[in-house]
Amino acid sequence: MSVTSLSPEVSDTRLREAHHRIANNLALIAGFVRLQSSQIAKDKKDLSPAEVGLLLAEVEVRIQTVGRLHHLLGANAGAAKIDLGDYIHSVCGILSESVCRHRAVELVCDAGPCTSPPESAALLGLIVAELVTNAVKYAHPTGVAGRVEVRCRRTSDDELILTVADDGIGLPDGFDARVGGGLGMRVIRSLAHQLDAVLDFDSGPLGLTVSVTAPDPAGAH
């Protein structure tokens, strides 16, 4: 059996691409942390131990979300695309073990098989992390247990639809999710913009469903 090895030039190119991707993703996370720090300073609010714990869990989730992506890329060296369904399931596993435990939230994930370039997958994974974290923090302000469902599917129109639905109180009356909200909403809108995705918010007394409709990053079935 013969073993095909990559030429030094190809190996060097892929290594440079990997370093560049890691640097970009770390810079993105660092930007989130700076924004969060600025928001805390602006609010001038004393945080409780529980709030500090949840805040650190948010940072942990962002780091692990990007780390899991690079783990998948490392396991499939040279691959131009990854299985987006597997990745989103992994992100949901990270969320279940971290932020969801702070509020006894049950997280259900249903992500179908489809492929995605790493750059698009990273943005979608971070959107899942931010939407689920927002649901954990705000869906049930009284602290009762809740349920969040994450779904991802490819349509026949070469689009990806990602939905995150909770069973909480919905958005406040008069709240405009296109421009309002705190840091989490700003981050979600920014990530969606980078994907050229459309955000839709369906809010009611039985919960909030956020849909992210993006051009199919794989470009083909």
N, C-alpha and C. Protein backbone atom coordinates (compact mmCIF):
# COMPACT_ATOMS: atom_id res chain seq x y z
N MET A 1 0.85 -1.19 0.00
CA MET A 1 0.00 0.00 0.00
C MET A 1 0.88 1.24 0.00
N SER A 2 0.62 2.15 -0.90
CA SER A 2 1.41 3.36 -0.98
C SER A 2 0.80 4.46 -0.14
N VAL A 3 1.65 5.32 0.39
CA VAL A 3 1.21 6.45 1.19
C VAL A 3 1.53 7.73 0.43
N THR A 4 0.50 8.56 0.21
CA THR A 4 0.69 9.81 -0.51
C THR A 4 1.00 10.92 0.48
N SER A 5 2.12 11.57 0.32
CA SER A 5 2.50 12.66 1.22
C SER A 5 2.37 13.98 0.49
N LEU A 6 2.11 15.02 1.26
CA LEU A 6 1.98 16.35 0.67
C LEU A 6 3.36 16.94 0.42
N SER A 7 3.47 17.73 -0.63
CA SER A 7 4.73 18.40 -0.91
C SER A 7 4.99 19.44 0.17
N PRO A 8 6.25 19.82 0.39
CA PRO A 8 6.55 20.84 1.41
C PRO A 8 5.81 22.14 1.15
N GLU A 9 5.63 22.50 -0.14
CA GLU A 9 4.96 23.76 -0.46
C GLU A 9 3.49 23.71 -0.03
N VAL A 10 2.81 22.59 -0.31
CA VAL A 10 1.41 22.45 0.08
C VAL A 10 1.27 22.42 1.59
N SER A 11 2.16 21.69 2.26
CA SER A 11 2.11 21.61 3.72
C SER A 11 2.31 22.99 4.34
N ASP A 12 3.26 23.76 3.82
CA ASP A 12 3.52 25.09 4.35
C ASP A 12 2.31 26.00 4.14
N THR A 13 1.67 25.89 2.96
CA THR A 13 0.50 26.72 2.68
C THR A 13 -0.62 26.42 3.64
N ARG A 14 -0.90 25.14 3.86
CA ARG A 14 -1.98 24.75 4.77
C ARG A 14 -1.67 25.13 6.20
N LEU A 15 -0.41 25.04 6.58
CA LEU A 15 -0.02 25.44 7.93
C LEU A 15 -0.23 26.95 8.11
N ARG A 16 0.14 27.73 7.10
CA ARG A 16 -0.07 29.18 7.19
C ARG A 16 -1.55 29.51 7.27
N GLU A 17 -2.37 28.79 6.48
CA GLU A 17 -3.81 29.01 6.52
C GLU A 17 -4.37 28.69 7.90
N ALA A 18 -3.90 27.60 8.50
CA ALA A 18 -4.37 27.21 9.83
C ALA A 18 -4.00 28.27 10.86
N HIS A 19 -2.76 28.76 10.81
CA HIS A 19 -2.33 29.79 11.75
C HIS A 19 -3.14 31.06 11.57
N HIS A 20 -3.40 31.42 10.31
CA HIS A 20 -4.18 32.63 10.02
C HIS A 20 -5.60 32.50 10.56
N ARG A 21 -6.20 31.32 10.37
CA ARG A 21 -7.57 31.10 10.83
C ARG A 21 -7.64 31.15 12.36
N ILE A 22 -6.68 30.52 13.01
CA ILE A 22 -6.66 30.53 14.47
C ILE A 22 -6.48 31.96 14.98
N ALA A 23 -5.56 32.71 14.37
CA ALA A 23 -5.33 34.10 14.80
C ALA A 23 -6.60 34.94 14.65
N ASN A 24 -7.30 34.78 13.53
CA ASN A 24 -8.53 35.54 13.31
C ASN A 24 -9.59 35.20 14.35
N ASN A 25 -9.75 33.91 14.64
CA ASN A 25 -10.77 33.50 15.60
C ASN A 25 -10.44 33.95 17.02
N LEU A 26 -9.17 33.89 17.38
CA LEU A 26 -8.77 34.38 18.70
C LEU A 26 -8.98 35.89 18.81
N ALA A 27 -8.70 36.61 17.73
CA ALA A 27 -8.93 38.05 17.72
C ALA A 27 -10.42 38.36 17.87
N LEU A 28 -11.26 37.54 17.25
CA LEU A 28 -12.71 37.73 17.36
C LEU A 28 -13.17 37.55 18.81
N ILE A 29 -12.67 36.50 19.46
CA ILE A 29 -13.03 36.26 20.85
C ILE A 29 -12.52 37.38 21.75
N ALA A 30 -11.29 37.82 21.50
CA ALA A 30 -10.73 38.92 22.29
C ALA A 30 -11.59 40.18 22.15
N GLY A 31 -12.10 40.41 20.95
CA GLY A 31 -12.99 41.55 20.73
C GLY A 31 -14.26 41.43 21.55
N PHE A 32 -14.83 40.22 21.62
CA PHE A 32 -16.02 40.00 22.45
C PHE A 32 -15.73 40.32 23.92
N VAL A 33 -14.58 39.85 24.40
CA VAL A 33 -14.24 40.07 25.80
C VAL A 33 -14.07 41.56 26.09
N ARG A 34 -13.43 42.29 25.16
CA ARG A 34 -13.27 43.74 25.35
C ARG A 34 -14.62 44.43 25.40
N LEU A 35 -15.53 44.05 24.51
CA LEU A 35 -16.86 44.65 24.51
C LEU A 35 -17.59 44.35 25.82
N GLN A 36 -17.44 43.12 26.30
CA GLN A 36 -18.11 42.73 27.54
C GLN A 36 -17.55 43.52 28.71
N SER A 37 -16.24 43.68 28.74
CA SER A 37 -15.60 44.45 29.80
C SER A 37 -16.06 45.91 29.78
N SER A 38 -16.14 46.48 28.59
CA SER A 38 -16.59 47.87 28.46
C SER A 38 -18.03 48.02 28.93
N GLN A 39 -18.87 47.03 28.59
CA GLN A 39 -20.28 47.10 28.98
C GLN A 39 -20.43 47.03 30.50
N ILE A 40 -19.65 46.17 31.15
CA ILE A 40 -19.71 46.05 32.60
C ILE A 40 -19.28 47.37 33.25
N ALA A 41 -18.19 47.96 32.73
CA ALA A 41 -17.73 49.24 33.27
C ALA A 41 -18.76 50.34 33.07
N LYS A 42 -19.42 50.32 31.92
CA LYS A 42 -20.43 51.33 31.63
C LYS A 42 -21.64 51.19 32.54
N ASP A 43 -22.04 49.96 32.82
CA ASP A 43 -23.21 49.72 33.66
C ASP A 43 -22.96 50.09 35.13
N LYS A 44 -21.68 50.03 35.55
CA LYS A 44 -21.31 50.35 36.93
C LYS A 44 -22.16 49.56 37.93
N LYS A 45 -22.31 48.28 37.65
CA LYS A 45 -23.15 47.42 38.47
C LYS A 45 -22.31 46.39 39.20
N ASP A 46 -22.58 46.22 40.48
CA ASP A 46 -21.91 45.16 41.24
C ASP A 46 -22.51 43.82 40.87
N LEU A 47 -21.67 42.90 40.43
CA LEU A 47 -22.13 41.59 40.00
C LEU A 47 -22.16 40.62 41.17
N SER A 48 -23.20 39.81 41.22
CA SER A 48 -23.29 38.77 42.24
C SER A 48 -22.37 37.61 41.84
N PRO A 49 -22.03 36.73 42.79
CA PRO A 49 -21.22 35.56 42.44
C PRO A 49 -21.84 34.72 41.31
N ALA A 50 -23.18 34.60 41.31
CA ALA A 50 -23.84 33.83 40.25
C ALA A 50 -23.66 34.51 38.90
N GLU A 51 -23.76 35.84 38.87
CA GLU A 51 -23.60 36.58 37.61
C GLU A 51 -22.16 36.49 37.11
N VAL A 52 -21.21 36.54 38.03
CA VAL A 52 -19.80 36.38 37.64
C VAL A 52 -19.56 34.99 37.06
N GLY A 53 -20.16 33.98 37.70
CA GLY A 53 -20.01 32.62 37.20
C GLY A 53 -20.55 32.46 35.80
N LEU A 54 -21.72 33.05 35.55
CA LEU A 54 -22.32 32.96 34.22
C LEU A 54 -21.50 33.74 33.20
N LEU A 55 -20.95 34.88 33.62
CA LEU A 55 -20.12 35.68 32.74
C LEU A 55 -18.88 34.92 32.30
N LEU A 56 -18.23 34.26 33.25
CA LEU A 56 -17.05 33.47 32.91
C LEU A 56 -17.42 32.26 32.05
N ALA A 57 -18.60 31.70 32.29
CA ALA A 57 -19.06 30.57 31.48
C ALA A 57 -19.26 31.02 30.02
N GLU A 58 -19.75 32.25 29.82
CA GLU A 58 -19.91 32.77 28.46
C GLU A 58 -18.57 32.84 27.73
N VAL A 59 -17.55 33.35 28.42
CA VAL A 59 -16.22 33.43 27.81
C VAL A 59 -15.69 32.04 27.51
N GLU A 60 -15.90 31.13 28.45
CA GLU A 60 -15.46 29.74 28.25
C GLU A 60 -16.11 29.13 27.02
N VAL A 61 -17.41 29.36 26.85
CA VAL A 61 -18.13 28.78 25.72
C VAL A 61 -17.58 29.31 24.41
N ARG A 62 -17.31 30.60 24.33
CA ARG A 62 -16.77 31.17 23.09
C ARG A 62 -15.43 30.55 22.74
N ILE A 63 -14.56 30.41 23.74
CA ILE A 63 -13.25 29.83 23.49
C ILE A 63 -13.38 28.37 23.06
N GLN A 64 -14.22 27.61 23.77
CA GLN A 64 -14.38 26.20 23.43
C GLN A 64 -15.06 26.00 22.08
N THR A 65 -15.96 26.92 21.72
CA THR A 65 -16.63 26.83 20.42
C THR A 65 -15.62 26.91 19.28
N VAL A 66 -14.70 27.86 19.38
CA VAL A 66 -13.66 27.99 18.36
C VAL A 66 -12.65 26.84 18.47
N GLY A 67 -12.33 26.46 19.71
CA GLY A 67 -11.40 25.35 19.89
C GLY A 67 -11.91 24.05 19.32
N ARG A 68 -13.21 23.79 19.47
CA ARG A 68 -13.79 22.56 18.92
C ARG A 68 -13.70 22.55 17.40
N LEU A 69 -13.89 23.71 16.78
CA LEU A 69 -13.76 23.80 15.33
C LEU A 69 -12.36 23.41 14.89
N HIS A 70 -11.35 23.93 15.56
CA HIS A 70 -9.98 23.62 15.16
C HIS A 70 -9.62 22.18 15.48
N HIS A 71 -10.26 21.61 16.49
CA HIS A 71 -10.07 20.18 16.76
C HIS A 71 -10.60 19.35 15.59
N LEU A 72 -11.78 19.72 15.08
CA LEU A 72 -12.35 18.99 13.94
C LEU A 72 -11.48 19.16 12.70
N LEU A 73 -10.96 20.37 12.51
CA LEU A 73 -10.09 20.60 11.35
C LEU A 73 -8.80 19.80 11.48
N GLY A 74 -8.27 19.73 12.70
CA GLY A 74 -7.04 18.97 12.91
C GLY A 74 -7.24 17.48 12.68
N ALA A 75 -8.43 16.99 13.00
CA ALA A 75 -8.73 15.57 12.80
C ALA A 75 -8.94 15.23 11.34
N ASN A 76 -9.21 16.28 10.53
CA ASN A 76 -9.41 16.08 9.09
C ASN A 76 -8.46 17.01 8.34
N ALA A 77 -7.19 16.79 8.56
CA ALA A 77 -6.18 17.67 7.99
C ALA A 77 -6.32 17.78 6.48
N GLY A 78 -6.28 19.02 6.01
CA GLY A 78 -6.37 19.25 4.58
C GLY A 78 -7.77 19.40 4.05
N ALA A 79 -8.80 19.10 4.89
CA ALA A 79 -10.18 19.20 4.42
C ALA A 79 -10.58 20.67 4.27
N ALA A 80 -11.26 20.97 3.16
CA ALA A 80 -11.70 22.35 2.92
C ALA A 80 -13.03 22.64 3.60
N LYS A 81 -13.75 21.59 4.01
CA LYS A 81 -15.06 21.76 4.64
C LYS A 81 -15.18 20.80 5.82
N ILE A 82 -16.09 21.13 6.74
CA ILE A 82 -16.36 20.25 7.86
C ILE A 82 -17.85 19.92 7.89
N ASP A 83 -18.21 18.92 8.66
CA ASP A 83 -19.61 18.55 8.83
C ASP A 83 -20.24 19.53 9.81
N LEU A 84 -21.08 20.43 9.31
CA LEU A 84 -21.67 21.47 10.13
C LEU A 84 -22.60 20.88 11.20
N GLY A 85 -23.32 19.82 10.84
CA GLY A 85 -24.21 19.19 11.81
C GLY A 85 -23.45 18.67 13.01
N ASP A 86 -22.34 17.98 12.77
CA ASP A 86 -21.51 17.48 13.87
C ASP A 86 -20.98 18.63 14.72
N TYR A 87 -20.57 19.69 14.05
CA TYR A 87 -20.00 20.83 14.77
C TYR A 87 -21.04 21.48 15.67
N ILE A 88 -22.24 21.71 15.16
CA ILE A 88 -23.28 22.34 15.97
C ILE A 88 -23.68 21.45 17.15
N HIS A 89 -23.72 20.14 16.92
CA HIS A 89 -23.97 19.22 18.03
C HIS A 89 -22.87 19.36 19.09
N SER A 90 -21.63 19.51 18.66
CA SER A 90 -20.53 19.69 19.60
C SER A 90 -20.68 20.99 20.39
N VAL A 91 -21.06 22.06 19.69
CA VAL A 91 -21.26 23.35 20.36
C VAL A 91 -22.38 23.24 21.40
N CYS A 92 -23.45 22.55 21.05
CA CYS A 92 -24.56 22.36 22.00
C CYS A 92 -24.10 21.56 23.21
N GLY A 93 -23.21 20.59 22.99
CA GLY A 93 -22.67 19.84 24.11
C GLY A 93 -21.88 20.74 25.05
N ILE A 94 -21.10 21.65 24.49
CA ILE A 94 -20.35 22.61 25.30
C ILE A 94 -21.30 23.49 26.11
N LEU A 95 -22.36 23.97 25.46
CA LEU A 95 -23.33 24.83 26.13
C LEU A 95 -24.06 24.08 27.25
N SER A 96 -24.41 22.83 27.00
CA SER A 96 -25.11 22.04 28.02
C SER A 96 -24.25 21.87 29.27
N GLU A 97 -22.95 21.71 29.08
CA GLU A 97 -22.06 21.50 30.20
C GLU A 97 -21.65 22.78 30.89
N SER A 98 -21.98 23.93 30.28
CA SER A 98 -21.51 25.19 30.83
C SER A 98 -22.67 26.11 31.21
N VAL A 99 -23.08 27.01 30.32
CA VAL A 99 -24.06 28.03 30.69
C VAL A 99 -25.42 27.43 31.06
N CYS A 100 -25.82 26.34 30.41
CA CYS A 100 -27.15 25.77 30.69
C CYS A 100 -27.26 25.26 32.12
N ARG A 101 -26.16 24.82 32.69
CA ARG A 101 -26.20 24.30 34.05
C ARG A 101 -26.43 25.40 35.08
N HIS A 102 -26.15 26.65 34.71
CA HIS A 102 -26.35 27.75 35.65
C HIS A 102 -27.82 28.04 35.90
N ARG A 103 -28.70 27.63 34.95
CA ARG A 103 -30.12 27.89 35.12
C ARG A 103 -30.98 26.64 34.90
N ALA A 104 -30.37 25.48 34.99
CA ALA A 104 -31.10 24.21 34.83
C ALA A 104 -31.92 24.20 33.54
N VAL A 105 -31.29 24.57 32.45
CA VAL A 105 -31.95 24.62 31.14
C VAL A 105 -31.66 23.33 30.37
N GLU A 106 -32.71 22.73 29.83
CA GLU A 106 -32.54 21.56 28.96
C GLU A 106 -32.31 22.04 27.53
N LEU A 107 -31.23 21.58 26.93
CA LEU A 107 -30.88 21.99 25.57
C LEU A 107 -31.02 20.79 24.64
N VAL A 108 -31.82 20.97 23.59
CA VAL A 108 -32.06 19.93 22.59
C VAL A 108 -31.49 20.40 21.25
N CYS A 109 -30.75 19.53 20.60
CA CYS A 109 -30.12 19.91 19.33
C CYS A 109 -30.52 18.94 18.22
N ASP A 110 -30.94 19.50 17.09
CA ASP A 110 -31.30 18.71 15.91
C ASP A 110 -30.68 19.38 14.69
N ALA A 111 -29.47 18.98 14.36
CA ALA A 111 -28.75 19.58 13.23
C ALA A 111 -28.48 18.50 12.20
N GLY A 112 -29.04 18.67 11.02
CA GLY A 112 -28.88 17.69 9.97
C GLY A 112 -27.50 17.72 9.35
N PRO A 113 -27.14 16.68 8.62
CA PRO A 113 -25.82 16.62 8.00
C PRO A 113 -25.69 17.59 6.83
N CYS A 114 -24.67 18.40 6.88
CA CYS A 114 -24.32 19.26 5.75
C CYS A 114 -22.90 19.77 5.99
N THR A 115 -22.24 20.17 4.93
CA THR A 115 -20.86 20.61 5.05
C THR A 115 -20.79 22.13 4.97
N SER A 116 -19.69 22.66 5.48
CA SER A 116 -19.50 24.11 5.50
C SER A 116 -18.01 24.43 5.51
N PRO A 117 -17.61 25.51 4.85
CA PRO A 117 -16.23 25.98 5.01
C PRO A 117 -15.99 26.37 6.47
N PRO A 118 -14.77 26.23 6.97
CA PRO A 118 -14.50 26.53 8.38
C PRO A 118 -14.89 27.94 8.81
N GLU A 119 -14.68 28.92 7.95
CA GLU A 119 -14.96 30.30 8.32
C GLU A 119 -16.46 30.50 8.61
N SER A 120 -17.31 29.95 7.75
CA SER A 120 -18.76 30.07 7.96
C SER A 120 -19.19 29.26 9.17
N ALA A 121 -18.60 28.08 9.35
CA ALA A 121 -18.95 27.24 10.49
C ALA A 121 -18.64 27.95 11.79
N ALA A 122 -17.51 28.63 11.86
CA ALA A 122 -17.13 29.34 13.08
C ALA A 122 -18.16 30.40 13.43
N LEU A 123 -18.62 31.16 12.43
CA LEU A 123 -19.62 32.20 12.68
C LEU A 123 -20.94 31.60 13.13
N LEU A 124 -21.36 30.52 12.48
CA LEU A 124 -22.62 29.86 12.87
C LEU A 124 -22.52 29.27 14.27
N GLY A 125 -21.38 28.68 14.60
CA GLY A 125 -21.20 28.13 15.93
C GLY A 125 -21.27 29.21 17.00
N LEU A 126 -20.67 30.36 16.74
CA LEU A 126 -20.71 31.47 17.70
C LEU A 126 -22.12 32.05 17.81
N ILE A 127 -22.86 32.07 16.71
CA ILE A 127 -24.25 32.54 16.77
C ILE A 127 -25.07 31.61 17.66
N VAL A 128 -24.89 30.30 17.50
CA VAL A 128 -25.59 29.34 18.37
C VAL A 128 -25.25 29.62 19.83
N ALA A 129 -23.96 29.80 20.11
CA ALA A 129 -23.52 30.05 21.48
C ALA A 129 -24.17 31.30 22.06
N GLU A 130 -24.22 32.38 21.27
CA GLU A 130 -24.78 33.64 21.76
C GLU A 130 -26.30 33.54 21.95
N LEU A 131 -26.99 32.91 21.00
CA LEU A 131 -28.44 32.81 21.10
C LEU A 131 -28.85 31.93 22.28
N VAL A 132 -28.17 30.80 22.46
CA VAL A 132 -28.52 29.93 23.59
C VAL A 132 -28.20 30.63 24.91
N THR A 133 -27.06 31.31 24.97
CA THR A 133 -26.70 32.04 26.19
C THR A 133 -27.74 33.10 26.51
N ASN A 134 -28.20 33.84 25.51
CA ASN A 134 -29.26 34.84 25.73
C ASN A 134 -30.53 34.19 26.26
N ALA A 135 -30.88 33.03 25.69
CA ALA A 135 -32.09 32.34 26.15
C ALA A 135 -31.95 31.90 27.60
N VAL A 136 -30.77 31.39 27.95
CA VAL A 136 -30.53 30.96 29.33
C VAL A 136 -30.67 32.15 30.29
N LYS A 137 -30.17 33.32 29.88
CA LYS A 137 -30.15 34.48 30.77
C LYS A 137 -31.50 35.17 30.89
N TYR A 138 -32.28 35.19 29.79
CA TYR A 138 -33.44 36.08 29.78
C TYR A 138 -34.80 35.40 29.58
N ALA A 139 -34.83 34.15 29.12
CA ALA A 139 -36.12 33.52 28.81
C ALA A 139 -36.98 33.34 30.06
N HIS A 140 -36.33 33.00 31.18
CA HIS A 140 -37.07 32.76 32.42
C HIS A 140 -36.43 33.58 33.55
N PRO A 141 -36.79 34.86 33.64
CA PRO A 141 -36.14 35.74 34.62
C PRO A 141 -36.37 35.31 36.07
N THR A 142 -37.40 34.53 36.35
CA THR A 142 -37.64 34.07 37.72
C THR A 142 -36.73 32.92 38.10
N GLY A 143 -35.99 32.37 37.11
CA GLY A 143 -35.04 31.31 37.41
C GLY A 143 -35.59 29.90 37.31
N VAL A 144 -36.83 29.75 36.83
CA VAL A 144 -37.38 28.40 36.69
C VAL A 144 -36.67 27.65 35.56
N ALA A 145 -36.73 26.34 35.60
CA ALA A 145 -36.11 25.53 34.55
C ALA A 145 -36.81 25.78 33.21
N GLY A 146 -36.05 25.70 32.14
CA GLY A 146 -36.62 25.92 30.81
C GLY A 146 -36.05 24.96 29.79
N ARG A 147 -36.43 25.17 28.56
CA ARG A 147 -36.01 24.29 27.46
C ARG A 147 -35.64 25.16 26.27
N VAL A 148 -34.54 24.84 25.62
CA VAL A 148 -34.09 25.54 24.41
C VAL A 148 -33.84 24.49 23.34
N GLU A 149 -34.33 24.77 22.13
CA GLU A 149 -34.13 23.86 21.01
C GLU A 149 -33.32 24.54 19.92
N VAL A 150 -32.30 23.85 19.45
CA VAL A 150 -31.45 24.34 18.35
C VAL A 150 -31.65 23.42 17.15
N ARG A 151 -31.97 24.01 16.02
CA ARG A 151 -32.17 23.22 14.81
C ARG A 151 -31.43 23.88 13.64
N CYS A 152 -30.91 23.04 12.76
CA CYS A 152 -30.21 23.55 11.58
C CYS A 152 -30.52 22.63 10.41
N ARG A 153 -30.91 23.23 9.30
CA ARG A 153 -31.22 22.42 8.11
C ARG A 153 -30.91 23.21 6.85
N ARG A 154 -30.69 22.47 5.80
CA ARG A 154 -30.46 23.07 4.48
C ARG A 154 -31.77 23.01 3.71
N THR A 155 -32.10 24.09 3.03
CA THR A 155 -33.33 24.14 2.25
C THR A 155 -33.03 23.77 0.80
N SER A 156 -34.11 23.63 0.03
CA SER A 156 -33.94 23.32 -1.39
C SER A 156 -33.53 24.55 -2.18
N ASP A 157 -33.52 25.71 -1.52
CA ASP A 157 -33.15 26.96 -2.19
C ASP A 157 -31.72 27.37 -1.90
N ASP A 158 -30.87 26.39 -1.60
CA ASP A 158 -29.46 26.65 -1.31
C ASP A 158 -29.29 27.65 -0.18
N GLU A 159 -30.04 27.44 0.89
CA GLU A 159 -29.92 28.26 2.09
C GLU A 159 -29.80 27.35 3.31
N LEU A 160 -29.21 27.90 4.35
CA LEU A 160 -29.18 27.23 5.64
C LEU A 160 -30.08 28.00 6.60
N ILE A 161 -30.90 27.28 7.34
CA ILE A 161 -31.76 27.93 8.33
C ILE A 161 -31.39 27.36 9.70
N LEU A 162 -30.92 28.24 10.55
CA LEU A 162 -30.60 27.90 11.93
C LEU A 162 -31.65 28.54 12.83
N THR A 163 -32.27 27.77 13.71
CA THR A 163 -33.26 28.32 14.63
C THR A 163 -32.89 27.95 16.07
N VAL A 164 -33.12 28.91 16.94
CA VAL A 164 -32.96 28.69 18.38
C VAL A 164 -34.25 29.14 19.04
N ALA A 165 -34.96 28.22 19.68
CA ALA A 165 -36.28 28.51 20.25
C ALA A 165 -36.28 28.19 21.74
N ASP A 166 -36.88 29.09 22.54
CA ASP A 166 -37.02 28.83 23.97
C ASP A 166 -38.50 28.85 24.34
N ASP A 167 -38.80 28.45 25.58
CA ASP A 167 -40.18 28.41 26.05
C ASP A 167 -40.42 29.46 27.14
N GLY A 168 -39.75 30.60 26.98
CA GLY A 168 -39.80 31.63 28.00
C GLY A 168 -40.86 32.70 27.77
N ILE A 169 -40.58 33.90 28.25
CA ILE A 169 -41.57 34.98 28.26
C ILE A 169 -41.57 35.81 26.99
N GLY A 170 -40.65 35.56 26.08
CA GLY A 170 -40.59 36.34 24.85
C GLY A 170 -39.90 37.68 25.06
N LEU A 171 -39.87 38.48 24.01
CA LEU A 171 -39.24 39.80 24.07
C LEU A 171 -40.15 40.80 24.77
N PRO A 172 -39.57 41.81 25.41
CA PRO A 172 -40.39 42.84 26.06
C PRO A 172 -41.25 43.58 25.04
N ASP A 173 -42.38 44.08 25.47
CA ASP A 173 -43.24 44.88 24.60
C ASP A 173 -42.48 46.08 24.06
N GLY A 174 -42.58 46.30 22.76
CA GLY A 174 -41.93 47.44 22.14
C GLY A 174 -40.46 47.25 21.83
N PHE A 175 -39.92 46.07 22.16
CA PHE A 175 -38.50 45.83 21.91
C PHE A 175 -38.26 45.54 20.44
N ASP A 176 -37.32 46.24 19.83
CA ASP A 176 -36.96 46.04 18.43
C ASP A 176 -35.62 45.31 18.37
N ALA A 177 -35.67 44.02 18.08
CA ALA A 177 -34.46 43.20 18.08
C ALA A 177 -33.49 43.57 16.97
N ARG A 178 -33.94 44.35 15.99
CA ARG A 178 -33.05 44.74 14.89
C ARG A 178 -32.04 45.79 15.33
N VAL A 179 -32.36 46.54 16.38
CA VAL A 179 -31.47 47.62 16.82
C VAL A 179 -31.26 47.63 18.33
N GLY A 180 -32.15 47.00 19.10
CA GLY A 180 -32.10 47.07 20.55
C GLY A 180 -31.29 45.95 21.17
N GLY A 181 -31.27 45.95 22.49
CA GLY A 181 -30.61 44.88 23.22
C GLY A 181 -29.21 45.25 23.68
N GLY A 182 -28.63 44.35 24.43
CA GLY A 182 -27.30 44.56 24.97
C GLY A 182 -26.22 43.97 24.09
N LEU A 183 -25.11 43.61 24.75
CA LEU A 183 -23.94 43.11 24.01
C LEU A 183 -24.27 41.86 23.22
N GLY A 184 -25.02 40.92 23.83
CA GLY A 184 -25.32 39.67 23.13
C GLY A 184 -26.03 39.90 21.82
N MET A 185 -27.02 40.78 21.81
CA MET A 185 -27.75 41.07 20.58
C MET A 185 -26.85 41.75 19.55
N ARG A 186 -25.99 42.64 20.01
CA ARG A 186 -25.06 43.30 19.08
C ARG A 186 -24.12 42.30 18.44
N VAL A 187 -23.63 41.35 19.23
CA VAL A 187 -22.74 40.33 18.69
C VAL A 187 -23.47 39.45 17.68
N ILE A 188 -24.70 39.06 18.01
CA ILE A 188 -25.49 38.22 17.10
C ILE A 188 -25.71 38.94 15.76
N ARG A 189 -26.08 40.20 15.83
CA ARG A 189 -26.31 40.95 14.58
C ARG A 189 -25.02 41.08 13.77
N SER A 190 -23.90 41.30 14.45
CA SER A 190 -22.62 41.42 13.76
C SER A 190 -22.22 40.11 13.08
N LEU A 191 -22.37 39.00 13.79
CA LEU A 191 -22.03 37.70 13.20
C LEU A 191 -22.92 37.38 12.00
N ALA A 192 -24.23 37.68 12.14
CA ALA A 192 -25.16 37.44 11.03
C ALA A 192 -24.79 38.28 9.82
N HIS A 193 -24.39 39.52 10.07
CA HIS A 193 -23.99 40.41 8.96
C HIS A 193 -22.78 39.83 8.22
N GLN A 194 -21.83 39.27 8.96
CA GLN A 194 -20.65 38.68 8.32
C GLN A 194 -21.02 37.48 7.45
N LEU A 195 -22.13 36.83 7.77
CA LEU A 195 -22.60 35.68 7.00
C LEU A 195 -23.55 36.08 5.87
N ASP A 196 -23.87 37.37 5.78
CA ASP A 196 -24.93 37.84 4.86
C ASP A 196 -26.25 37.14 5.17
N ALA A 197 -26.50 36.94 6.45
CA ALA A 197 -27.69 36.21 6.89
C ALA A 197 -28.80 37.17 7.30
N VAL A 198 -30.03 36.67 7.26
CA VAL A 198 -31.21 37.42 7.68
C VAL A 198 -31.66 36.89 9.03
N LEU A 199 -31.87 37.81 9.99
CA LEU A 199 -32.36 37.44 11.31
C LEU A 199 -33.85 37.68 11.39
N ASP A 200 -34.57 36.74 11.98
CA ASP A 200 -36.01 36.90 12.19
C ASP A 200 -36.35 36.50 13.63
N PHE A 201 -37.16 37.34 14.29
CA PHE A 201 -37.52 37.11 15.69
C PHE A 201 -39.03 36.92 15.78
N ASP A 202 -39.44 35.75 16.23
CA ASP A 202 -40.86 35.43 16.43
C ASP A 202 -41.10 35.28 17.92
N SER A 203 -41.67 36.33 18.52
CA SER A 203 -41.81 36.38 19.96
C SER A 203 -43.27 36.33 20.37
N GLY A 204 -43.54 35.63 21.47
CA GLY A 204 -44.89 35.54 22.01
C GLY A 204 -44.85 35.12 23.45
N PRO A 205 -46.00 34.99 24.09
CA PRO A 205 -46.05 34.62 25.51
C PRO A 205 -45.56 33.20 25.79
N LEU A 206 -45.42 32.39 24.74
CA LEU A 206 -44.96 31.01 24.94
C LEU A 206 -43.50 30.83 24.54
N GLY A 207 -42.81 31.94 24.26
CA GLY A 207 -41.39 31.81 23.95
C GLY A 207 -40.93 32.66 22.79
N LEU A 208 -39.65 32.55 22.52
CA LEU A 208 -39.01 33.30 21.44
C LEU A 208 -38.30 32.32 20.51
N THR A 209 -38.50 32.49 19.22
CA THR A 209 -37.77 31.72 18.21
C THR A 209 -36.98 32.68 17.34
N VAL A 210 -35.69 32.48 17.28
CA VAL A 210 -34.82 33.30 16.42
C VAL A 210 -34.37 32.43 15.26
N SER A 211 -34.60 32.93 14.05
CA SER A 211 -34.19 32.20 12.84
C SER A 211 -33.08 32.97 12.14
N VAL A 212 -32.08 32.23 11.72
CA VAL A 212 -30.95 32.80 10.96
C VAL A 212 -30.94 32.11 9.61
N THR A 213 -31.24 32.87 8.57
CA THR A 213 -31.26 32.32 7.21
C THR A 213 -30.05 32.84 6.46
N ALA A 214 -29.17 31.93 6.08
CA ALA A 214 -27.91 32.31 5.45
C ALA A 214 -27.75 31.61 4.11
N PRO A 215 -27.04 32.25 3.17
CA PRO A 215 -26.70 31.52 1.93
C PRO A 215 -25.92 30.27 2.29
N ASP A 216 -26.21 29.18 1.59
CA ASP A 216 -25.54 27.90 1.84
C ASP A 216 -24.04 28.08 1.67
N PRO A 217 -23.24 28.01 2.74
CA PRO A 217 -21.81 28.24 2.61
C PRO A 217 -21.08 27.15 1.85
N ALA A 218 -21.72 25.97 1.74
CA ALA A 218 -21.08 24.87 1.02
C ALA A 218 -21.22 25.04 -0.49
N GLY A 219 -22.26 25.75 -0.90
CA GLY A 219 -22.45 26.02 -2.31
C GLY A 219 -23.01 24.87 -3.10
N ALA A 220 -23.18 23.72 -2.45
CA ALA A 220 -23.71 22.56 -3.16
C ALA A 220 -24.15 21.53 -2.15
N HIS A 221 -25.04 20.64 -2.55
CA HIS A 221 -25.50 19.57 -1.65
C HIS A 221 -24.43 18.51 -1.55
